[in-house]
Each structure stands twice: as C-alpha cells, then as structure tokens.
Amino acid sequence: MPEVKHFEMEPAMNTNHSNPSVFEDGRYDFGNSFYSTTYGQVKLLFLNCYTASQKGSNQYQWLVDEFESIDRRATPWVAAFVHCPIYNTFRYHHNETQTNTFRASIEPLFVEHKVNFVFAGKCSLH
C-alpha cells in the first residue's frame, strides 16, 4: 500500500487573505472561501456556493485560472467540493438563488475542464 503523505493546504491566490472569515455585502468572498491543493495526482478544488460565482467574480476568475494551470498529464484527476448540492430535491437548498447562480456559471466550467468528481454537502431533513 502506498504511503500517505502529510496533507497541507495551499492558500487561494488573487484573493484577500483575511482570516477569520470576512463577510461584505452579504457575500463571503475572501480568505479561505475558495482554495485548492494538489494531493498526489489529484487537484482538489474547494468552492463556495454562497459567494459571487458569476463570470467576472473573484471565484469564477480564480477557478478559470486554476483550471488553466492544471497539467492533466501530471495531475489527471480533478475533484471539486462545495457545500450546496447543485442538483437536489431537498427542502433546504432547493432552488436557492445562490445555488442556482453557482450551477449556471460554474457547472459549464466543470464540463469544459472535465472535472472527474463533484462532492457536495448533505442537507438534513428536519
């Protein structure tokens, strides 16, 4: 079995590195709101469905830049993580404005750049 190396996070580039979290105008668009790291042959992208994600937003442009920097020969796997499931029928997050906006702008990037896996948070049913 291969040895598992220590996992270290890399800070997001081209963002305000404020920490703890900073909210402005109802958006979380700073610091560790969206970031990535490479673990072995996997690029891990952590995204935020609660911040601006439309074309021209910090997160959108950051993601485009991340995709363009990935050498798929060296890093053949790409996995994205996001809290809100972009397709669901749960009572919570179903047809949320920010989730719909995220899906409309970010999903085409996932398809274009052949993201292998998208992991989303589970909604609890109260």
C-alpha atoms as a PDB file:
ATOM      1  CA  MET A   1       0.000   0.000   0.000  1.00  0.00           C
ATOM      2  CA  PRO A   2       1.396   3.439  -0.882  1.00  0.00           C
ATOM      3  CA  GLU A   3       2.394   5.706   1.949  1.00  0.00           C
ATOM      4  CA  VAL A   4       0.078   8.659   2.515  1.00  0.00           C
ATOM      5  CA  LYS A   5       1.946  11.936   2.760  1.00  0.00           C
ATOM      6  CA  HIS A   6       1.076  14.777   5.124  1.00  0.00           C
ATOM      7  CA  PHE A   7      -1.768  16.943   3.765  1.00  0.00           C
ATOM      8  CA  GLU A   8      -1.067  20.679   3.555  1.00  0.00           C
ATOM      9  CA  MET A   9      -3.449  23.357   2.340  1.00  0.00           C
ATOM     10  CA  GLU A  10      -2.335  25.988  -0.159  1.00  0.00           C
ATOM     11  CA  PRO A  11      -3.871  29.482   0.102  1.00  0.00           C
ATOM     12  CA  ALA A  12      -6.111  30.756  -2.662  1.00  0.00           C
ATOM     13  CA  MET A  13      -4.350  33.133  -4.999  1.00  0.00           C
ATOM     14  CA  ASN A  14      -5.699  36.513  -6.105  1.00  0.00           C
ATOM     15  CA  THR A  15      -7.939  36.858  -3.064  1.00  0.00           C
ATOM     16  CA  ASN A  16      -7.868  38.900   0.118  1.00  0.00           C
ATOM     17  CA  HIS A  17      -6.167  36.645   2.671  1.00  0.00           C
ATOM     18  CA  SER A  18      -8.357  37.820   5.565  1.00  0.00           C
ATOM     19  CA  ASN A  19      -8.817  35.277   8.295  1.00  0.00           C
ATOM     20  CA  PRO A  20     -11.091  34.640  10.122  1.00  0.00           C
ATOM     21  CA  SER A  21     -13.875  34.819   7.573  1.00  0.00           C
ATOM     22  CA  VAL A  22     -14.899  38.233   6.294  1.00  0.00           C
ATOM     23  CA  PHE A  23     -18.385  38.988   5.020  1.00  0.00           C
ATOM     24  CA  GLU A  24     -19.110  42.003   2.822  1.00  0.00           C
ATOM     25  CA  ASP A  25     -22.414  42.904   1.217  1.00  0.00           C
ATOM     26  CA  GLY A  26     -23.837  39.508   2.198  1.00  0.00           C
ATOM     27  CA  ARG A  27     -21.038  37.645   0.398  1.00  0.00           C
ATOM     28  CA  TYR A  28     -18.144  35.624   1.714  1.00  0.00           C
ATOM     29  CA  ASP A  29     -15.526  36.411  -0.917  1.00  0.00           C
ATOM     30  CA  PHE A  30     -12.247  36.485   0.933  1.00  0.00           C
ATOM     31  CA  GLY A  31      -9.518  34.414   2.541  1.00  0.00           C
ATOM     32  CA  ASN A  32     -10.211  30.715   2.601  1.00  0.00           C
ATOM     33  CA  SER A  33     -13.614  30.957   0.952  1.00  0.00           C
ATOM     34  CA  PHE A  34     -12.325  29.102  -2.111  1.00  0.00           C
ATOM     35  CA  TYR A  35      -8.958  27.441  -2.450  1.00  0.00           C
ATOM     36  CA  SER A  36      -7.169  24.439  -3.899  1.00  0.00           C
ATOM     37  CA  THR A  37      -4.416  21.991  -3.217  1.00  0.00           C
ATOM     38  CA  THR A  38      -2.820  19.106  -5.038  1.00  0.00           C
ATOM     39  CA  TYR A  39      -2.595  15.735  -3.335  1.00  0.00           C
ATOM     40  CA  GLY A  40      -0.621  13.219  -5.346  1.00  0.00           C
ATOM     41  CA  GLN A  41      -2.280  13.026  -8.753  1.00  0.00           C
ATOM     42  CA  VAL A  42      -5.463  14.806  -7.646  1.00  0.00           C
ATOM     43  CA  LYS A  43      -6.226  18.526  -7.814  1.00  0.00           C
ATOM     44  CA  LEU A  44      -8.719  19.361  -5.040  1.00  0.00           C
ATOM     45  CA  LEU A  45     -10.860  22.466  -5.584  1.00  0.00           C
ATOM     46  CA  PHE A  46     -12.873  23.821  -2.648  1.00  0.00           C
ATOM     47  CA  LEU A  47     -15.585  26.227  -3.795  1.00  0.00           C
ATOM     48  CA  ASN A  48     -18.158  28.466  -2.119  1.00  0.00           C
ATOM     49  CA  CYS A  49     -21.743  28.487  -3.353  1.00  0.00           C
ATOM     50  CA  TYR A  50     -22.506  31.426  -1.013  1.00  0.00           C
ATOM     51  CA  THR A  51     -20.237  33.949  -2.681  1.00  0.00           C
ATOM     52  CA  ALA A  52     -20.319  35.551  -6.100  1.00  0.00           C
ATOM     53  CA  SER A  53     -19.729  32.919  -8.773  1.00  0.00           C
ATOM     54  CA  GLN A  54     -20.920  34.555 -11.997  1.00  0.00           C
ATOM     55  CA  LYS A  55     -18.493  35.422 -14.818  1.00  0.00           C
ATOM     56  CA  GLY A  56     -16.176  38.185 -13.710  1.00  0.00           C
ATOM     57  CA  SER A  57     -16.432  37.378  -9.996  1.00  0.00           C
ATOM     58  CA  ASN A  58     -13.308  36.649  -7.946  1.00  0.00           C
ATOM     59  CA  GLN A  59     -14.234  33.000  -7.519  1.00  0.00           C
ATOM     60  CA  TYR A  60     -15.091  32.446 -11.188  1.00  0.00           C
ATOM     61  CA  GLN A  61     -11.859  34.008 -12.447  1.00  0.00           C
ATOM     62  CA  TRP A  62      -9.820  32.183  -9.813  1.00  0.00           C
ATOM     63  CA  LEU A  63     -11.372  28.870 -10.922  1.00  0.00           C
ATOM     64  CA  VAL A  64     -10.670  29.578 -14.607  1.00  0.00           C
ATOM     65  CA  ASP A  65      -7.042  30.331 -13.699  1.00  0.00           C
ATOM     66  CA  GLU A  66      -6.825  27.144 -11.617  1.00  0.00           C
ATOM     67  CA  PHE A  67      -8.161  25.012 -14.469  1.00  0.00           C
ATOM     68  CA  GLU A  68      -5.685  26.571 -16.897  1.00  0.00           C
ATOM     69  CA  SER A  69      -2.792  25.799 -14.541  1.00  0.00           C
ATOM     70  CA  ILE A  70      -3.550  22.073 -14.186  1.00  0.00           C
ATOM     71  CA  ASP A  71      -1.273  19.743 -16.157  1.00  0.00           C
ATOM     72  CA  ARG A  72      -3.591  16.770 -16.633  1.00  0.00           C
ATOM     73  CA  ARG A  73      -0.630  14.535 -17.574  1.00  0.00           C
ATOM     74  CA  ALA A  74       0.847  15.035 -14.091  1.00  0.00           C
ATOM     75  CA  THR A  75      -2.484  15.591 -12.295  1.00  0.00           C
ATOM     76  CA  PRO A  76      -5.079  13.520 -14.177  1.00  0.00           C
ATOM     77  CA  TRP A  77      -7.804  13.714 -11.513  1.00  0.00           C
ATOM     78  CA  VAL A  78      -9.767  16.827 -10.555  1.00  0.00           C
ATOM     79  CA  ALA A  79     -12.255  16.849  -7.686  1.00  0.00           C
ATOM     80  CA  ALA A  80     -14.451  19.787  -6.649  1.00  0.00           C
ATOM     81  CA  PHE A  81     -16.024  20.238  -3.212  1.00  0.00           C
ATOM     82  CA  VAL A  82     -18.951  22.543  -2.485  1.00  0.00           C
ATOM     83  CA  HIS A  83     -21.454  22.725   0.371  1.00  0.00           C
ATOM     84  CA  CYS A  84     -24.664  23.114  -1.634  1.00  0.00           C
ATOM     85  CA  PRO A  85     -25.652  20.295  -3.976  1.00  0.00           C
ATOM     86  CA  ILE A  86     -26.269  21.921  -7.357  1.00  0.00           C
ATOM     87  CA  TYR A  87     -28.989  19.368  -8.157  1.00  0.00           C
ATOM     88  CA  ASN A  88     -31.304  18.224  -5.393  1.00  0.00           C
ATOM     89  CA  THR A  89     -34.884  17.874  -4.269  1.00  0.00           C
ATOM     90  CA  PHE A  90     -34.218  18.545  -0.569  1.00  0.00           C
ATOM     91  CA  ARG A  91     -36.284  21.117   1.255  1.00  0.00           C
ATOM     92  CA  TYR A  92     -33.111  23.045   2.061  1.00  0.00           C
ATOM     93  CA  HIS A  93     -31.027  24.452  -0.785  1.00  0.00           C
ATOM     94  CA  HIS A  94     -33.690  23.533  -3.357  1.00  0.00           C
ATOM     95  CA  ASN A  95     -33.918  26.386  -5.889  1.00  0.00           C
ATOM     96  CA  GLU A  96     -31.841  28.751  -3.747  1.00  0.00           C
ATOM     97  CA  THR A  97     -30.820  31.802  -5.743  1.00  0.00           C
ATOM     98  CA  GLN A  98     -27.116  31.485  -4.910  1.00  0.00           C
ATOM     99  CA  THR A  99     -27.087  27.745  -5.662  1.00  0.00           C
ATOM    100  CA  ASN A 100     -28.846  28.290  -8.995  1.00  0.00           C
ATOM    101  CA  THR A 101     -26.383  31.064  -9.876  1.00  0.00           C
ATOM    102  CA  PHE A 102     -23.452  28.841  -8.884  1.00  0.00           C
ATOM    103  CA  ARG A 103     -24.767  25.979 -11.024  1.00  0.00           C
ATOM    104  CA  ALA A 104     -25.417  28.227 -14.051  1.00  0.00           C
ATOM    105  CA  SER A 105     -21.925  29.707 -14.042  1.00  0.00           C
ATOM    106  CA  ILE A 106     -19.679  27.004 -12.555  1.00  0.00           C
ATOM    107  CA  GLU A 107     -21.139  23.772 -13.955  1.00  0.00           C
ATOM    108  CA  PRO A 108     -20.157  24.675 -17.545  1.00  0.00           C
ATOM    109  CA  LEU A 109     -16.568  25.092 -16.312  1.00  0.00           C
ATOM    110  CA  PHE A 110     -16.750  21.637 -14.689  1.00  0.00           C
ATOM    111  CA  VAL A 111     -17.856  20.155 -18.008  1.00  0.00           C
ATOM    112  CA  GLU A 112     -15.389  22.112 -20.142  1.00  0.00           C
ATOM    113  CA  HIS A 113     -12.450  21.153 -17.937  1.00  0.00           C
ATOM    114  CA  LYS A 114     -13.619  17.564 -17.398  1.00  0.00           C
ATOM    115  CA  VAL A 115     -13.861  17.586 -13.607  1.00  0.00           C
ATOM    116  CA  ASN A 116     -13.899  13.950 -12.500  1.00  0.00           C
ATOM    117  CA  PHE A 117     -15.816  14.271  -9.222  1.00  0.00           C
ATOM    118  CA  VAL A 118     -18.026  16.855  -7.533  1.00  0.00           C
ATOM    119  CA  PHE A 119     -18.713  16.307  -3.841  1.00  0.00           C
ATOM    120  CA  ALA A 120     -21.490  18.290  -2.177  1.00  0.00           C
ATOM    121  CA  GLY A 121     -22.734  18.581   1.384  1.00  0.00           C
ATOM    122  CA  LYS A 122     -25.764  16.659   2.544  1.00  0.00           C
ATOM    123  CA  CYS A 123     -28.861  18.518   3.620  1.00  0.00           C
ATOM    124  CA  SER A 124     -30.501  17.402   6.824  1.00  0.00           C
ATOM    125  CA  LEU A 125     -34.243  16.894   6.814  1.00  0.00           C
ATOM    126  CA  HIS A 126     -35.782  18.367   9.953  1.00  0.00           C
END
